[in-house]
């Protein structure tokens, strides 16, 4: 989903994924996540309701670029 308000970008060569949120047409980088727990914490800090359900469930509000969802390092299985 390309137009989801939360984008988890491709895995970087050093590991981890940059997390971006789009609010009112403005993209803001929340940080680099190395786990689902990091994503949940970033969303908790900006007061998104039920961040754990959003990250761990099948949400249409999160788009994962490259690789599979919930993968944070190349070669993770």
Protein backbone atom coordinates (compact mmCIF):
# COMPACT_ATOMS: atom_id res chain seq x y z
CA UNK A 1 0.00 0.00 0.00
CA UNK A 2 1.86 3.03 -1.25
CA UNK A 3 -0.33 5.73 0.32
CA UNK A 4 -0.47 4.39 3.87
CA UNK A 5 0.24 7.10 6.44
CA UNK A 6 2.96 4.99 8.08
CA UNK A 7 5.83 3.75 5.94
CA UNK A 8 8.47 1.29 7.09
CA UNK A 9 11.24 1.70 4.54
CA UNK A 10 13.62 -0.87 3.08
CA UNK A 11 16.22 -2.52 5.29
CA UNK A 12 19.37 -0.42 5.38
CA UNK A 13 22.77 -2.03 4.70
CA UNK A 14 23.60 -1.57 8.40
CA UNK A 15 20.29 -3.16 9.45
CA UNK A 16 17.12 -1.59 10.70
CA UNK A 17 14.36 0.27 8.84
CA UNK A 18 13.56 3.94 8.85
CA UNK A 19 10.00 4.67 9.94
CA UNK A 20 8.18 7.60 8.37
CA UNK A 21 4.73 8.96 9.16
CA UNK A 22 2.76 11.24 6.86
CA UNK A 23 0.51 13.77 8.57
CA UNK A 24 -1.31 16.42 6.53
CA UNK A 25 0.95 15.72 3.56
CA UNK A 26 4.19 16.15 5.50
CA UNK A 27 6.58 13.21 5.97
CA UNK A 28 8.31 12.97 9.34
CA UNK A 29 11.00 10.42 10.18
CA UNK A 30 10.23 8.88 13.57
CA UNK A 31 13.46 6.91 13.79
CA UNK A 32 15.23 3.73 12.74
CA UNK A 33 13.61 0.56 14.02
CA UNK A 34 15.50 -2.65 14.67
CA UNK A 35 12.42 -4.55 15.89
CA UNK A 36 8.63 -4.40 16.11
CA UNK A 37 9.10 -3.14 19.67
CA UNK A 38 10.91 -0.09 18.28
CA UNK A 39 8.04 0.65 15.88
CA UNK A 40 5.53 0.33 18.70
CA UNK A 41 7.57 2.69 20.88
CA UNK A 42 7.84 5.33 18.11
CA UNK A 43 4.05 5.27 17.69
CA UNK A 44 3.46 5.32 21.45
CA UNK A 45 5.62 8.45 21.76
CA UNK A 46 3.41 10.34 19.30
CA UNK A 47 0.32 9.08 21.11
CA UNK A 48 -1.08 6.76 18.42
CA UNK A 49 -3.83 4.64 20.05
CA UNK A 50 -3.14 0.89 20.35
CA UNK A 51 0.28 0.98 18.66
CA UNK A 52 0.96 -2.71 19.37
CA UNK A 53 -2.21 -3.77 17.54
CA UNK A 54 -1.33 -1.45 14.67
CA UNK A 55 2.17 -2.90 14.22
CA UNK A 56 1.47 -6.56 14.99
CA UNK A 57 -1.92 -6.81 13.27
CA UNK A 58 -2.80 -6.62 9.61
CA UNK A 59 -3.13 -2.85 9.36
CA UNK A 60 -3.89 -0.93 6.19
CA UNK A 61 -2.20 2.08 7.80
CA UNK A 62 1.32 0.60 7.61
CA UNK A 63 3.17 -0.04 4.35
CA UNK A 64 6.34 -2.15 4.36
CA UNK A 65 8.83 -1.42 1.56
CA UNK A 66 11.18 -4.12 0.33
CA UNK A 67 11.65 -7.42 2.12
CA UNK A 68 8.92 -8.89 4.19
CA UNK A 69 7.05 -7.24 7.02
CA UNK A 70 8.65 -7.50 10.46
CA UNK A 71 12.11 -8.22 9.00
CA UNK A 72 14.83 -5.81 10.15
CA UNK A 73 18.06 -7.35 8.86
CA UNK A 74 18.95 -8.94 5.55
CA UNK A 75 18.79 -12.70 5.89
CA UNK A 76 16.38 -12.72 8.88
CA UNK A 77 14.06 -15.66 8.53
